[in-house]
């Protein structure tokens, strides 16, 4: 077992955000449930990330949990990679 398995044991997530007509998606490893009453979920993103700017303005984000079987082709579509 590696220390990273303990310290960062959660799966990578895709976080989508939108403000007005601007959309973005970001991959994050640092996330956790904060509360069940009220329902709250926390994420950690670098201050300079464009997604964080959109989240701060809209005050909304969507956490997308992706199966480990999710194919690279699916990610390429998300990020418009050729």
PDB file of N, CA and C in Angstrom:
ATOM      1  N   UNK A   1       0.851  -1.188   0.000  1.00  0.00           N
ATOM      2  CA  UNK A   1       0.000   0.000   0.000  1.00  0.00           C
ATOM      3  C   UNK A   1       0.893   1.247   0.000  1.00  0.00           C
ATOM      4  N   UNK A   2       0.527   2.201  -0.844  1.00  0.00           N
ATOM      5  CA  UNK A   2       1.257   3.469  -0.916  1.00  0.00           C
ATOM      6  C   UNK A   2       0.558   4.511  -0.048  1.00  0.00           C
ATOM      7  N   UNK A   3       1.316   5.509   0.404  1.00  0.00           N
ATOM      8  CA  UNK A   3       0.740   6.585   1.214  1.00  0.00           C
ATOM      9  C   UNK A   3      -0.338   7.329   0.420  1.00  0.00           C
ATOM     10  N   UNK A   4      -0.171   7.448  -0.894  1.00  0.00           N
ATOM     11  CA  UNK A   4      -1.172   8.141  -1.716  1.00  0.00           C
ATOM     12  C   UNK A   4      -2.507   7.391  -1.737  1.00  0.00           C
ATOM     13  N   UNK A   5      -2.471   6.071  -1.533  1.00  0.00           N
ATOM     14  CA  UNK A   5      -3.715   5.301  -1.472  1.00  0.00           C
ATOM     15  C   UNK A   5      -4.542   5.688  -0.251  1.00  0.00           C
ATOM     16  N   UNK A   6      -3.864   6.069   0.813  1.00  0.00           N
ATOM     17  CA  UNK A   6      -4.554   6.459   2.049  1.00  0.00           C
ATOM     18  C   UNK A   6      -4.924   7.939   2.006  1.00  0.00           C
ATOM     19  N   UNK A   7      -3.970   8.775   1.629  1.00  0.00           N
ATOM     20  CA  UNK A   7      -4.173  10.222   1.665  1.00  0.00           C
ATOM     21  C   UNK A   7      -5.105  10.714   0.573  1.00  0.00           C
ATOM     22  N   UNK A   8      -5.161  10.010  -0.540  1.00  0.00           N
ATOM     23  CA  UNK A   8      -5.969  10.457  -1.667  1.00  0.00           C
ATOM     24  C   UNK A   8      -6.728   9.252  -2.226  1.00  0.00           C
ATOM     25  N   UNK A   9      -7.570   8.683  -1.392  1.00  0.00           N
ATOM     26  CA  UNK A   9      -8.205   7.423  -1.753  1.00  0.00           C
ATOM     27  C   UNK A   9      -9.459   7.562  -2.611  1.00  0.00           C
ATOM     28  N   UNK A  10      -9.966   8.759  -2.793  1.00  0.00           N
ATOM     29  CA  UNK A  10     -11.181   8.947  -3.586  1.00  0.00           C
ATOM     30  C   UNK A  10     -10.879   8.915  -5.079  1.00  0.00           C
ATOM     31  N   UNK A  11     -11.892   8.553  -5.837  1.00  0.00           N
ATOM     32  CA  UNK A  11     -11.714   8.518  -7.285  1.00  0.00           C
ATOM     33  C   UNK A  11     -11.654   9.917  -7.871  1.00  0.00           C
ATOM     34  N   UNK A  12     -11.087  10.018  -9.050  1.00  0.00           N
ATOM     35  CA  UNK A  12     -11.066  11.284  -9.778  1.00  0.00           C
ATOM     36  C   UNK A  12     -12.501  11.571 -10.230  1.00  0.00           C
ATOM     37  N   UNK A  13     -12.923  12.819 -10.116  1.00  0.00           N
ATOM     38  CA  UNK A  13     -14.273  13.211 -10.532  1.00  0.00           C
ATOM     39  C   UNK A  13     -14.183  14.253 -11.644  1.00  0.00           C
ATOM     40  N   UNK A  14     -15.252  14.390 -12.383  1.00  0.00           N
ATOM     41  CA  UNK A  14     -15.398  15.460 -13.367  1.00  0.00           C
ATOM     42  C   UNK A  14     -16.390  16.452 -12.784  1.00  0.00           C
ATOM     43  N   UNK A  15     -15.990  17.703 -12.685  1.00  0.00           N
ATOM     44  CA  UNK A  15     -16.872  18.744 -12.154  1.00  0.00           C
ATOM     45  C   UNK A  15     -17.230  19.680 -13.295  1.00  0.00           C
ATOM     46  N   UNK A  16     -18.517  19.817 -13.532  1.00  0.00           N
ATOM     47  CA  UNK A  16     -18.972  20.724 -14.583  1.00  0.00           C
ATOM     48  C   UNK A  16     -19.507  22.004 -13.953  1.00  0.00           C
ATOM     49  N   UNK A  17     -19.329  23.098 -14.671  1.00  0.00           N
ATOM     50  CA  UNK A  17     -19.783  24.399 -14.184  1.00  0.00           C
ATOM     51  C   UNK A  17     -20.295  25.226 -15.353  1.00  0.00           C
ATOM     52  N   UNK A  18     -21.155  26.185 -15.013  1.00  0.00           N
ATOM     53  CA  UNK A  18     -21.731  27.064 -16.037  1.00  0.00           C
ATOM     54  C   UNK A  18     -22.039  28.421 -15.415  1.00  0.00           C
ATOM     55  N   UNK A  19     -21.714  29.469 -16.153  1.00  0.00           N
ATOM     56  CA  UNK A  19     -22.108  30.825 -15.785  1.00  0.00           C
ATOM     57  C   UNK A  19     -22.507  31.520 -17.072  1.00  0.00           C
ATOM     58  N   UNK A  20     -23.762  31.949 -17.119  1.00  0.00           N
ATOM     59  CA  UNK A  20     -24.344  32.547 -18.313  1.00  0.00           C
ATOM     60  C   UNK A  20     -24.152  31.598 -19.490  1.00  0.00           C
ATOM     61  N   UNK A  21     -23.428  31.988 -20.521  1.00  0.00           N
ATOM     62  CA  UNK A  21     -23.269  31.109 -21.691  1.00  0.00           C
ATOM     63  C   UNK A  21     -21.908  30.409 -21.710  1.00  0.00           C
ATOM     64  N   UNK A  22     -21.207  30.406 -20.579  1.00  0.00           N
ATOM     65  CA  UNK A  22     -19.880  29.791 -20.504  1.00  0.00           C
ATOM     66  C   UNK A  22     -19.957  28.477 -19.736  1.00  0.00           C
ATOM     67  N   UNK A  23     -19.418  27.416 -20.322  1.00  0.00           N
ATOM     68  CA  UNK A  23     -19.387  26.088 -19.708  1.00  0.00           C
ATOM     69  C   UNK A  23     -17.943  25.649 -19.530  1.00  0.00           C
ATOM     70  N   UNK A  24     -17.705  24.811 -18.512  1.00  0.00           N
ATOM     71  CA  UNK A  24     -16.370  24.263 -18.335  1.00  0.00           C
ATOM     72  C   UNK A  24     -16.461  22.935 -17.600  1.00  0.00           C
ATOM     73  N   UNK A  25     -15.411  22.136 -17.733  1.00  0.00           N
ATOM     74  CA  UNK A  25     -15.313  20.860 -17.039  1.00  0.00           C
ATOM     75  C   UNK A  25     -13.882  20.736 -16.524  1.00  0.00           C
ATOM     76  N   UNK A  26     -13.733  20.190 -15.321  1.00  0.00           N
ATOM     77  CA  UNK A  26     -12.429  20.052 -14.690  1.00  0.00           C
ATOM     78  C   UNK A  26     -12.353  18.690 -14.005  1.00  0.00           C
ATOM     79  N   UNK A  27     -11.180  18.086 -14.008  1.00  0.00           N
ATOM     80  CA  UNK A  27     -10.980  16.851 -13.254  1.00  0.00           C
ATOM     81  C   UNK A  27     -10.401  17.213 -11.894  1.00  0.00           C
ATOM     82  N   UNK A  28     -10.920  16.573 -10.849  1.00  0.00           N
ATOM     83  CA  UNK A  28     -10.453  16.846  -9.489  1.00  0.00           C
ATOM     84  C   UNK A  28     -10.284  15.552  -8.711  1.00  0.00           C
ATOM     85  N   UNK A  29      -9.299  15.542  -7.828  1.00  0.00           N
ATOM     86  CA  UNK A  29      -9.086  14.390  -6.956  1.00  0.00           C
ATOM     87  C   UNK A  29      -9.499  14.688  -5.513  1.00  0.00           C
ATOM     88  N   UNK A  30      -9.468  15.947  -5.115  1.00  0.00           N
ATOM     89  CA  UNK A  30      -9.796  16.310  -3.736  1.00  0.00           C
ATOM     90  C   UNK A  30     -11.264  16.705  -3.632  1.00  0.00           C
ATOM     91  N   UNK A  31     -12.049  15.822  -3.048  1.00  0.00           N
ATOM     92  CA  UNK A  31     -13.486  16.059  -2.864  1.00  0.00           C
ATOM     93  C   UNK A  31     -13.982  15.185  -1.726  1.00  0.00           C
ATOM     94  N   UNK A  32     -15.074  15.623  -1.084  1.00  0.00           N
ATOM     95  CA  UNK A  32     -15.585  14.857   0.055  1.00  0.00           C
ATOM     96  C   UNK A  32     -16.997  15.301   0.419  1.00  0.00           C
ATOM     97  N   UNK A  33     -17.813  14.385   0.921  1.00  0.00           N
ATOM     98  CA  UNK A  33     -19.103  14.795   1.482  1.00  0.00           C
ATOM     99  C   UNK A  33     -18.837  15.628   2.743  1.00  0.00           C
ATOM    100  N   UNK A  34     -19.579  16.700   2.918  1.00  0.00           N
ATOM    101  CA  UNK A  34     -19.424  17.551   4.092  1.00  0.00           C
ATOM    102  C   UNK A  34     -20.570  17.392   5.076  1.00  0.00           C
ATOM    103  N   UNK A  35     -21.780  17.190   4.549  1.00  0.00           N
ATOM    104  CA  UNK A  35     -22.959  17.123   5.411  1.00  0.00           C
ATOM    105  C   UNK A  35     -24.095  16.436   4.665  1.00  0.00           C
ATOM    106  N   UNK A  36     -24.920  15.743   5.416  1.00  0.00           N
ATOM    107  CA  UNK A  36     -26.118  15.137   4.828  1.00  0.00           C
ATOM    108  C   UNK A  36     -27.359  15.980   5.119  1.00  0.00           C
ATOM    109  N   UNK A  37     -27.351  16.754   6.183  1.00  0.00           N
ATOM    110  CA  UNK A  37     -28.463  17.652   6.535  1.00  0.00           C
ATOM    111  C   UNK A  37     -27.891  19.010   6.904  1.00  0.00           C
ATOM    112  N   UNK A  38     -27.874  19.992   6.048  1.00  0.00           N
ATOM    113  CA  UNK A  38     -28.298  19.936   4.650  1.00  0.00           C
ATOM    114  C   UNK A  38     -27.252  19.208   3.796  1.00  0.00           C
ATOM    115  N   UNK A  39     -27.645  18.739   2.641  1.00  0.00           N
ATOM    116  CA  UNK A  39     -26.746  18.028   1.739  1.00  0.00           C
ATOM    117  C   UNK A  39     -25.681  18.994   1.216  1.00  0.00           C
ATOM    118  N   UNK A  40     -24.415  18.694   1.523  1.00  0.00           N
ATOM    119  CA  UNK A  40     -23.307  19.542   1.069  1.00  0.00           C
ATOM    120  C   UNK A  40     -22.150  18.647   0.640  1.00  0.00           C
ATOM    121  N   UNK A  41     -21.483  19.040  -0.440  1.00  0.00           N
ATOM    122  CA  UNK A  41     -20.335  18.293  -0.955  1.00  0.00           C
ATOM    123  C   UNK A  41     -19.227  19.290  -1.229  1.00  0.00           C
ATOM    124  N   UNK A  42     -18.016  18.994  -0.810  1.00  0.00           N
ATOM    125  CA  UNK A  42     -16.899  19.911  -0.967  1.00  0.00           C
ATOM    126  C   UNK A  42     -15.916  19.454  -2.023  1.00  0.00           C
ATOM    127  N   UNK A  43     -15.396  20.418  -2.750  1.00  0.00           N
ATOM    128  CA  UNK A  43     -14.350  20.142  -3.738  1.00  0.00           C
ATOM    129  C   UNK A  43     -13.206  21.117  -3.502  1.00  0.00           C
ATOM    130  N   UNK A  44     -12.037  20.781  -4.020  1.00  0.00           N
ATOM    131  CA  UNK A  44     -10.865  21.639  -3.882  1.00  0.00           C
ATOM    132  C   UNK A  44     -10.258  21.859  -5.258  1.00  0.00           C
ATOM    133  N   UNK A  45     -10.210  23.122  -5.665  1.00  0.00           N
ATOM    134  CA  UNK A  45      -9.630  23.473  -6.970  1.00  0.00           C
ATOM    135  C   UNK A  45      -8.667  24.645  -6.783  1.00  0.00           C
ATOM    136  N   UNK A  46      -7.657  24.692  -7.603  1.00  0.00           N
ATOM    137  CA  UNK A  46      -6.678  25.772  -7.547  1.00  0.00           C
ATOM    138  C   UNK A  46      -7.345  27.120  -7.859  1.00  0.00           C
ATOM    139  N   UNK A  47      -6.905  28.157  -7.185  1.00  0.00           N
ATOM    140  CA  UNK A  47      -7.494  29.495  -7.335  1.00  0.00           C
ATOM    141  C   UNK A  47      -7.517  29.999  -8.774  1.00  0.00           C
ATOM    142  N   UNK A  48      -6.529  29.616  -9.562  1.00  0.00           N
ATOM    143  CA  UNK A  48      -6.412  30.148 -10.928  1.00  0.00           C
ATOM    144  C   UNK A  48      -7.263  29.400 -11.944  1.00  0.00           C
ATOM    145  N   UNK A  49      -7.975  28.385 -11.540  1.00  0.00           N
ATOM    146  CA  UNK A  49      -8.759  27.569 -12.478  1.00  0.00           C
ATOM    147  C   UNK A  49      -9.980  28.337 -12.973  1.00  0.00           C
ATOM    148  N   UNK A  50     -10.214  28.273 -14.256  1.00  0.00           N
ATOM    149  CA  UNK A  50     -11.364  28.931 -14.880  1.00  0.00           C
ATOM    150  C   UNK A  50     -12.671  28.381 -14.299  1.00  0.00           C
ATOM    151  N   UNK A  51     -12.718  27.079 -14.066  1.00  0.00           N
ATOM    152  CA  UNK A  51     -13.922  26.469 -13.496  1.00  0.00           C
ATOM    153  C   UNK A  51     -14.280  27.095 -12.157  1.00  0.00           C
ATOM    154  N   UNK A  52     -13.275  27.373 -11.335  1.00  0.00           N
ATOM    155  CA  UNK A  52     -13.534  27.969 -10.024  1.00  0.00           C
ATOM    156  C   UNK A  52     -14.177  29.348 -10.172  1.00  0.00           C
ATOM    157  N   UNK A  53     -13.735  30.101 -11.148  1.00  0.00           N
ATOM    158  CA  UNK A  53     -14.338  31.414 -11.421  1.00  0.00           C
ATOM    159  C   UNK A  53     -15.829  31.260 -11.755  1.00  0.00           C
ATOM    160  N   UNK A  54     -16.151  30.295 -12.615  1.00  0.00           N
ATOM    161  CA  UNK A  54     -17.550  30.068 -12.984  1.00  0.00           C
ATOM    162  C   UNK A  54     -18.373  29.613 -11.777  1.00  0.00           C
ATOM    163  N   UNK A  55     -17.808  28.741 -10.954  1.00  0.00           N
ATOM    164  CA  UNK A  55     -18.505  28.241  -9.765  1.00  0.00           C
ATOM    165  C   UNK A  55     -18.766  29.380  -8.781  1.00  0.00           C
ATOM    166  N   UNK A  56     -17.783  30.219  -8.585  1.00  0.00           N
ATOM    167  CA  UNK A  56     -17.973  31.354  -7.658  1.00  0.00           C
ATOM    168  C   UNK A  56     -19.069  32.294  -8.139  1.00  0.00           C
ATOM    169  N   UNK A  57     -19.140  32.521  -9.441  1.00  0.00           N
ATOM    170  CA  UNK A  57     -20.160  33.418  -9.972  1.00  0.00           C
ATOM    171  C   UNK A  57     -21.558  32.790  -9.923  1.00  0.00           C
ATOM    172  N   UNK A  58     -21.668  31.517 -10.274  1.00  0.00           N
ATOM    173  CA  UNK A  58     -22.980  30.870 -10.340  1.00  0.00           C
ATOM    174  C   UNK A  58     -23.409  30.249  -9.019  1.00  0.00           C
ATOM    175  N   UNK A  59     -22.408  29.945  -8.152  1.00  0.00           N
ATOM    176  CA  UNK A  59     -22.643  29.277  -6.867  1.00  0.00           C
ATOM    177  C   UNK A  59     -23.204  27.865  -7.040  1.00  0.00           C
ATOM    178  N   UNK A  60     -22.925  27.250  -8.196  1.00  0.00           N
ATOM    179  CA  UNK A  60     -23.429  25.915  -8.511  1.00  0.00           C
ATOM    180  C   UNK A  60     -22.351  25.121  -9.249  1.00  0.00           C
ATOM    181  N   UNK A  61     -22.270  23.824  -8.950  1.00  0.00           N
ATOM    182  CA  UNK A  61     -21.424  22.920  -9.724  1.00  0.00           C
ATOM    183  C   UNK A  61     -22.041  21.533  -9.673  1.00  0.00           C
ATOM    184  N   UNK A  62     -21.656  20.696 -10.617  1.00  0.00           N
ATOM    185  CA  UNK A  62     -22.161  19.320 -10.679  1.00  0.00           C
ATOM    186  C   UNK A  62     -20.973  18.370 -10.575  1.00  0.00           C
ATOM    187  N   UNK A  63     -21.079  17.405  -9.649  1.00  0.00           N
ATOM    188  CA  UNK A  63     -20.043  16.387  -9.485  1.00  0.00           C
ATOM    189  C   UNK A  63     -20.459  15.165 -10.296  1.00  0.00           C
ATOM    190  N   UNK A  64     -19.597  14.746 -11.192  1.00  0.00           N
ATOM    191  CA  UNK A  64     -19.851  13.589 -12.050  1.00  0.00           C
ATOM    192  C   UNK A  64     -18.888  12.472 -11.660  1.00  0.00           C
ATOM    193  N   UNK A  65     -19.430  11.399 -11.105  1.00  0.00           N
ATOM    194  CA  UNK A  65     -18.615  10.246 -10.732  1.00  0.00           C
ATOM    195  C   UNK A  65     -18.525   9.330 -11.947  1.00  0.00           C
ATOM    196  N   UNK A  66     -17.296   9.004 -12.317  1.00  0.00           N
ATOM    197  CA  UNK A  66     -17.067   8.234 -13.522  1.00  0.00           C
ATOM    198  C   UNK A  66     -16.534   6.858 -13.139  1.00  0.00           C
ATOM    199  N   UNK A  67     -17.089   5.831 -13.732  1.00  0.00           N
ATOM    200  CA  UNK A  67     -16.649   4.463 -13.498  1.00  0.00           C
ATOM    201  C   UNK A  67     -15.203   4.290 -13.948  1.00  0.00           C
ATOM    202  N   UNK A  68     -14.484   3.416 -13.267  1.00  0.00           N
ATOM    203  CA  UNK A  68     -13.106   3.142 -13.694  1.00  0.00           C
ATOM    204  C   UNK A  68     -13.068   2.503 -15.079  1.00  0.00           C
ATOM    205  N   UNK A  69     -14.202   1.998 -15.531  1.00  0.00           N
ATOM    206  CA  UNK A  69     -14.295   1.394 -16.854  1.00  0.00           C
ATOM    207  C   UNK A  69     -14.587   2.419 -17.952  1.00  0.00           C
ATOM    208  N   UNK A  70     -14.774   3.679 -17.561  1.00  0.00           N
ATOM    209  CA  UNK A  70     -15.050   4.736 -18.529  1.00  0.00           C
ATOM    210  C   UNK A  70     -13.909   4.791 -19.538  1.00  0.00           C
ATOM    211  N   UNK A  71     -14.234   4.774 -20.769  1.00  0.00           N
ATOM    212  CA  UNK A  71     -13.234   4.702 -21.830  1.00  0.00           C
ATOM    213  C   UNK A  71     -12.620   6.067 -22.134  1.00  0.00           C
ATOM    214  N   UNK A  72     -11.394   6.042 -22.582  1.00  0.00           N
ATOM    215  CA  UNK A  72     -10.695   7.258 -22.968  1.00  0.00           C
ATOM    216  C   UNK A  72     -11.474   8.024 -24.026  1.00  0.00           C
ATOM    217  N   UNK A  73     -12.182   7.320 -24.886  1.00  0.00           N
ATOM    218  CA  UNK A  73     -12.969   7.985 -25.932  1.00  0.00           C
ATOM    219  C   UNK A  73     -14.005   8.930 -25.326  1.00  0.00           C
ATOM    220  N   UNK A  74     -14.601   8.531 -24.218  1.00  0.00           N
ATOM    221  CA  UNK A  74     -15.572   9.387 -23.530  1.00  0.00           C
ATOM    222  C   UNK A  74     -14.936  10.659 -23.022  1.00  0.00           C
ATOM    223  N   UNK A  75     -13.740  10.551 -22.457  1.00  0.00           N
ATOM    224  CA  UNK A  75     -13.027  11.738 -21.971  1.00  0.00           C
ATOM    225  C   UNK A  75     -12.636  12.652 -23.127  1.00  0.00           C
ATOM    226  N   UNK A  76     -12.243  12.069 -24.230  1.00  0.00           N
ATOM    227  CA  UNK A  76     -11.884  12.882 -25.393  1.00  0.00           C
ATOM    228  C   UNK A  76     -13.064  13.720 -25.852  1.00  0.00           C
ATOM    229  N   UNK A  77     -14.270  13.164 -25.768  1.00  0.00           N
ATOM    230  CA  UNK A  77     -15.466  13.916 -26.153  1.00  0.00           C
ATOM    231  C   UNK A  77     -15.705  15.054 -25.178  1.00  0.00           C
ATOM    232  N   UNK A  78     -15.496  14.796 -23.883  1.00  0.00           N
ATOM    233  CA  UNK A  78     -15.694  15.847 -22.866  1.00  0.00           C
ATOM    234  C   UNK A  78     -14.753  17.021 -23.097  1.00  0.00           C
ATOM    235  N   UNK A  79     -13.516  16.739 -23.439  1.00  0.00           N
ATOM    236  CA  UNK A  79     -12.508  17.770 -23.558  1.00  0.00           C
ATOM    237  C   UNK A  79     -12.220  18.180 -25.004  1.00  0.00           C
ATOM    238  N   UNK A  80     -12.996  17.625 -25.931  1.00  0.00           N
ATOM    239  CA  UNK A  80     -12.846  17.943 -27.352  1.00  0.00           C
ATOM    240  C   UNK A  80     -11.414  17.687 -27.834  1.00  0.00           C
ATOM    241  N   UNK A  81     -10.876  16.546 -27.427  1.00  0.00           N
ATOM    242  CA  UNK A  81      -9.522  16.146 -27.841  1.00  0.00           C
ATOM    243  C   UNK A  81      -9.632  15.327 -29.116  1.00  0.00           C
ATOM    244  N   UNK A  82      -8.735  15.559 -30.064  1.00  0.00           N
ATOM    245  CA  UNK A  82      -8.742  14.804 -31.315  1.00  0.00           C
ATOM    246  C   UNK A  82      -7.787  13.653 -31.239  1.00  0.00           C
TER     247      UNK A  82
END
